[in-house]
Amino acid sequence: ECNVVVFSASYGDETASSYSKMGHGLFTYYLLKELKDTKGDVTLKQLGDYVTKEVGRQSLIINNKPQTPTVISSKEVEDSWENWKLK
């Protein structure tokens, strides 16, 4: 059995962009921001939705190109991972 959930900074042939002003990539910045703001009390679905929304929006504004973070799970957990919490 393989219980795996992968958060990826971009989709397909997109490039993961930097957020120079904040000293991180866009994906890393918003992932860490949400973890800090929620103190880790967040489901993987909530975390993925937040990061996807913010990175997608900010990449167009800051870098003038699309970036679409994705979350992929193994088949074994495809029906349960969304409610998993980090804390």
N, C-alpha and C. Protein backbone atom coordinates (compact mmCIF):
# COMPACT_ATOMS: atom_id res chain seq x y z
N GLU A 1 0.85 -1.19 0.00
CA GLU A 1 0.00 0.00 0.00
C GLU A 1 0.89 1.25 0.00
N CYS A 2 0.47 2.23 -0.75
CA CYS A 2 1.26 3.44 -0.91
C CYS A 2 0.40 4.67 -0.60
N ASN A 3 0.53 5.19 0.61
CA ASN A 3 -0.24 6.35 1.02
C ASN A 3 0.56 7.62 0.75
N VAL A 4 0.40 8.15 -0.48
CA VAL A 4 1.21 9.29 -0.89
C VAL A 4 0.33 10.41 -1.42
N VAL A 5 0.66 11.64 -1.02
CA VAL A 5 0.05 12.84 -1.58
C VAL A 5 1.19 13.77 -1.97
N VAL A 6 1.18 14.21 -3.23
CA VAL A 6 2.25 15.05 -3.75
C VAL A 6 1.71 16.43 -4.08
N PHE A 7 2.32 17.44 -3.52
CA PHE A 7 2.03 18.83 -3.87
C PHE A 7 3.11 19.27 -4.85
N SER A 8 2.69 19.74 -6.02
CA SER A 8 3.63 20.17 -7.05
C SER A 8 3.45 21.67 -7.30
N ALA A 9 4.55 22.37 -7.55
CA ALA A 9 4.52 23.83 -7.70
C ALA A 9 3.89 24.27 -9.01
N SER A 10 3.86 23.41 -10.01
CA SER A 10 3.29 23.80 -11.30
C SER A 10 2.76 22.58 -12.02
N TYR A 11 2.08 22.82 -13.12
CA TYR A 11 1.44 21.74 -13.87
C TYR A 11 2.00 21.67 -15.28
N GLY A 12 2.18 20.45 -15.78
CA GLY A 12 2.58 20.26 -17.17
C GLY A 12 3.90 20.94 -17.50
N ASP A 13 3.88 21.75 -18.54
CA ASP A 13 5.11 22.41 -19.00
C ASP A 13 5.28 23.81 -18.41
N GLU A 14 4.47 24.17 -17.42
CA GLU A 14 4.62 25.47 -16.76
C GLU A 14 5.92 25.50 -15.96
N THR A 15 6.41 26.71 -15.73
CA THR A 15 7.59 26.91 -14.92
C THR A 15 7.17 27.41 -13.55
N ALA A 16 7.79 26.90 -12.50
CA ALA A 16 7.55 27.40 -11.15
C ALA A 16 8.30 28.73 -11.02
N SER A 17 7.56 29.78 -10.68
CA SER A 17 8.13 31.12 -10.64
C SER A 17 8.64 31.51 -9.26
N SER A 18 9.53 32.46 -9.28
CA SER A 18 10.06 32.97 -8.01
C SER A 18 9.21 34.14 -7.52
N TYR A 19 9.38 34.43 -6.27
CA TYR A 19 8.74 35.60 -5.64
C TYR A 19 9.89 36.34 -4.97
N SER A 20 10.70 36.98 -5.81
CA SER A 20 11.95 37.60 -5.38
C SER A 20 11.78 38.49 -4.15
N LYS A 21 10.70 39.26 -4.14
CA LYS A 21 10.43 40.19 -3.03
C LYS A 21 10.38 39.46 -1.68
N MET A 22 9.92 38.21 -1.70
CA MET A 22 9.76 37.45 -0.46
C MET A 22 10.87 36.42 -0.25
N GLY A 23 11.77 36.28 -1.21
CA GLY A 23 12.91 35.38 -1.04
C GLY A 23 12.59 33.90 -1.16
N HIS A 24 11.48 33.58 -1.83
CA HIS A 24 11.06 32.19 -2.04
C HIS A 24 10.48 32.07 -3.44
N GLY A 25 10.17 30.84 -3.81
CA GLY A 25 9.32 30.64 -4.97
C GLY A 25 7.89 30.98 -4.56
N LEU A 26 7.03 31.27 -5.53
CA LEU A 26 5.63 31.57 -5.21
C LEU A 26 4.96 30.43 -4.45
N PHE A 27 5.17 29.22 -4.93
CA PHE A 27 4.56 28.05 -4.30
C PHE A 27 5.01 27.92 -2.84
N THR A 28 6.31 27.99 -2.61
CA THR A 28 6.84 27.85 -1.25
C THR A 28 6.33 28.96 -0.35
N TYR A 29 6.32 30.18 -0.85
CA TYR A 29 5.86 31.32 -0.04
C TYR A 29 4.43 31.09 0.44
N TYR A 30 3.51 30.78 -0.48
CA TYR A 30 2.11 30.63 -0.09
C TYR A 30 1.84 29.35 0.70
N LEU A 31 2.60 28.31 0.46
CA LEU A 31 2.48 27.10 1.27
C LEU A 31 2.87 27.40 2.72
N LEU A 32 4.03 28.03 2.89
CA LEU A 32 4.49 28.36 4.25
C LEU A 32 3.59 29.39 4.92
N LYS A 33 3.09 30.35 4.15
CA LYS A 33 2.20 31.38 4.71
C LYS A 33 0.94 30.75 5.29
N GLU A 34 0.33 29.84 4.54
CA GLU A 34 -0.90 29.20 5.03
C GLU A 34 -0.61 28.30 6.23
N LEU A 35 0.51 27.61 6.22
CA LEU A 35 0.86 26.78 7.38
C LEU A 35 1.08 27.65 8.61
N LYS A 36 1.72 28.79 8.43
CA LYS A 36 1.94 29.70 9.56
C LYS A 36 0.62 30.31 10.04
N ASP A 37 -0.20 30.79 9.10
CA ASP A 37 -1.46 31.44 9.47
C ASP A 37 -2.43 30.49 10.16
N THR A 38 -2.41 29.21 9.78
CA THR A 38 -3.32 28.23 10.39
C THR A 38 -2.67 27.46 11.52
N LYS A 39 -1.38 27.72 11.74
CA LYS A 39 -0.60 26.99 12.73
C LYS A 39 -0.64 25.49 12.47
N GLY A 40 -0.77 25.12 11.20
CA GLY A 40 -0.79 23.72 10.82
C GLY A 40 -2.13 23.04 10.99
N ASP A 41 -3.12 23.75 11.51
CA ASP A 41 -4.44 23.18 11.71
C ASP A 41 -5.27 23.38 10.44
N VAL A 42 -4.92 22.62 9.40
CA VAL A 42 -5.53 22.76 8.09
C VAL A 42 -5.55 21.39 7.42
N THR A 43 -6.61 21.12 6.66
CA THR A 43 -6.64 19.86 5.91
C THR A 43 -5.77 20.01 4.66
N LEU A 44 -5.36 18.88 4.11
CA LEU A 44 -4.57 18.93 2.89
C LEU A 44 -5.37 19.57 1.75
N LYS A 45 -6.67 19.35 1.71
CA LYS A 45 -7.51 19.97 0.68
C LYS A 45 -7.52 21.48 0.84
N GLN A 46 -7.73 21.96 2.06
CA GLN A 46 -7.73 23.41 2.30
C GLN A 46 -6.39 24.02 1.92
N LEU A 47 -5.32 23.37 2.29
CA LEU A 47 -3.98 23.84 1.97
C LEU A 47 -3.77 23.88 0.45
N GLY A 48 -4.13 22.80 -0.22
CA GLY A 48 -3.99 22.75 -1.67
C GLY A 48 -4.83 23.78 -2.38
N ASP A 49 -6.07 23.96 -1.93
CA ASP A 49 -6.95 24.96 -2.56
C ASP A 49 -6.40 26.37 -2.39
N TYR A 50 -5.93 26.68 -1.19
CA TYR A 50 -5.38 28.02 -0.93
C TYR A 50 -4.15 28.29 -1.79
N VAL A 51 -3.22 27.35 -1.79
CA VAL A 51 -1.98 27.53 -2.55
C VAL A 51 -2.27 27.64 -4.05
N THR A 52 -3.15 26.79 -4.56
CA THR A 52 -3.49 26.84 -5.98
C THR A 52 -4.10 28.18 -6.36
N LYS A 53 -5.02 28.67 -5.54
CA LYS A 53 -5.68 29.95 -5.81
C LYS A 53 -4.68 31.11 -5.78
N GLU A 54 -3.93 31.21 -4.69
CA GLU A 54 -3.02 32.34 -4.52
C GLU A 54 -1.87 32.33 -5.52
N VAL A 55 -1.27 31.18 -5.74
CA VAL A 55 -0.15 31.10 -6.68
C VAL A 55 -0.65 31.39 -8.10
N GLY A 56 -1.77 30.83 -8.47
CA GLY A 56 -2.33 31.08 -9.79
C GLY A 56 -2.58 32.55 -10.04
N ARG A 57 -3.14 33.22 -9.06
CA ARG A 57 -3.45 34.65 -9.18
C ARG A 57 -2.19 35.49 -9.17
N GLN A 58 -1.33 35.26 -8.22
CA GLN A 58 -0.13 36.07 -8.07
C GLN A 58 0.88 35.86 -9.20
N SER A 59 0.94 34.68 -9.76
CA SER A 59 1.87 34.43 -10.86
C SER A 59 1.52 35.29 -12.07
N LEU A 60 0.22 35.44 -12.33
CA LEU A 60 -0.21 36.29 -13.44
C LEU A 60 0.12 37.76 -13.16
N ILE A 61 -0.07 38.19 -11.93
CA ILE A 61 0.19 39.59 -11.55
C ILE A 61 1.69 39.88 -11.52
N ILE A 62 2.45 39.04 -10.84
CA ILE A 62 3.87 39.31 -10.60
C ILE A 62 4.74 38.92 -11.80
N ASN A 63 4.50 37.76 -12.37
CA ASN A 63 5.38 37.23 -13.41
C ASN A 63 4.76 37.21 -14.81
N ASN A 64 3.49 37.61 -14.90
CA ASN A 64 2.79 37.68 -16.18
C ASN A 64 2.79 36.35 -16.93
N LYS A 65 2.66 35.26 -16.17
CA LYS A 65 2.56 33.94 -16.79
C LYS A 65 1.82 32.99 -15.84
N PRO A 66 1.18 31.98 -16.40
CA PRO A 66 0.44 31.05 -15.54
C PRO A 66 1.34 30.11 -14.75
N GLN A 67 0.88 29.79 -13.57
CA GLN A 67 1.49 28.75 -12.74
C GLN A 67 0.36 28.10 -11.96
N THR A 68 0.20 26.82 -12.14
CA THR A 68 -0.92 26.10 -11.53
C THR A 68 -0.42 24.97 -10.65
N PRO A 69 -0.31 25.19 -9.35
CA PRO A 69 0.08 24.10 -8.45
C PRO A 69 -0.94 22.96 -8.54
N THR A 70 -0.47 21.75 -8.32
CA THR A 70 -1.36 20.59 -8.37
C THR A 70 -1.13 19.69 -7.16
N VAL A 71 -2.15 18.95 -6.82
CA VAL A 71 -2.06 17.96 -5.75
C VAL A 71 -2.50 16.63 -6.34
N ILE A 72 -1.65 15.63 -6.20
CA ILE A 72 -1.92 14.31 -6.75
C ILE A 72 -1.76 13.29 -5.63
N SER A 73 -2.70 12.35 -5.56
CA SER A 73 -2.60 11.31 -4.53
C SER A 73 -2.45 9.95 -5.17
N SER A 74 -1.91 9.03 -4.39
CA SER A 74 -1.88 7.64 -4.86
C SER A 74 -3.30 7.09 -4.85
N LYS A 75 -3.51 6.07 -5.62
CA LYS A 75 -4.83 5.47 -5.75
C LYS A 75 -5.39 5.00 -4.40
N GLU A 76 -4.50 4.51 -3.55
CA GLU A 76 -4.93 3.97 -2.26
C GLU A 76 -5.60 5.00 -1.35
N VAL A 77 -5.28 6.27 -1.55
CA VAL A 77 -5.83 7.30 -0.65
C VAL A 77 -6.66 8.36 -1.38
N GLU A 78 -6.99 8.10 -2.66
CA GLU A 78 -7.68 9.12 -3.45
C GLU A 78 -9.02 9.55 -2.86
N ASP A 79 -9.64 8.73 -2.03
CA ASP A 79 -10.93 9.07 -1.43
C ASP A 79 -10.83 9.58 0.01
N SER A 80 -9.61 9.66 0.55
CA SER A 80 -9.50 10.04 1.96
C SER A 80 -8.52 11.16 2.26
N TRP A 81 -7.55 11.42 1.39
CA TRP A 81 -6.47 12.36 1.69
C TRP A 81 -6.96 13.79 1.96
N GLU A 82 -8.04 14.20 1.34
CA GLU A 82 -8.48 15.60 1.44
C GLU A 82 -8.78 16.02 2.88
N ASN A 83 -9.16 15.10 3.74
CA ASN A 83 -9.49 15.43 5.12
C ASN A 83 -8.35 15.24 6.09
N TRP A 84 -7.21 14.78 5.60
CA TRP A 84 -6.04 14.61 6.46
C TRP A 84 -5.58 15.98 6.94
N LYS A 85 -5.18 16.02 8.21
CA LYS A 85 -4.65 17.25 8.78
C LYS A 85 -3.18 17.07 9.12
N LEU A 86 -2.45 18.15 9.07
CA LEU A 86 -1.04 18.12 9.41
C LEU A 86 -0.82 18.11 10.92
N LYS A 87 -1.78 18.65 11.62
CA LYS A 87 -1.66 18.78 13.08
C LYS A 87 -2.70 17.96 13.77
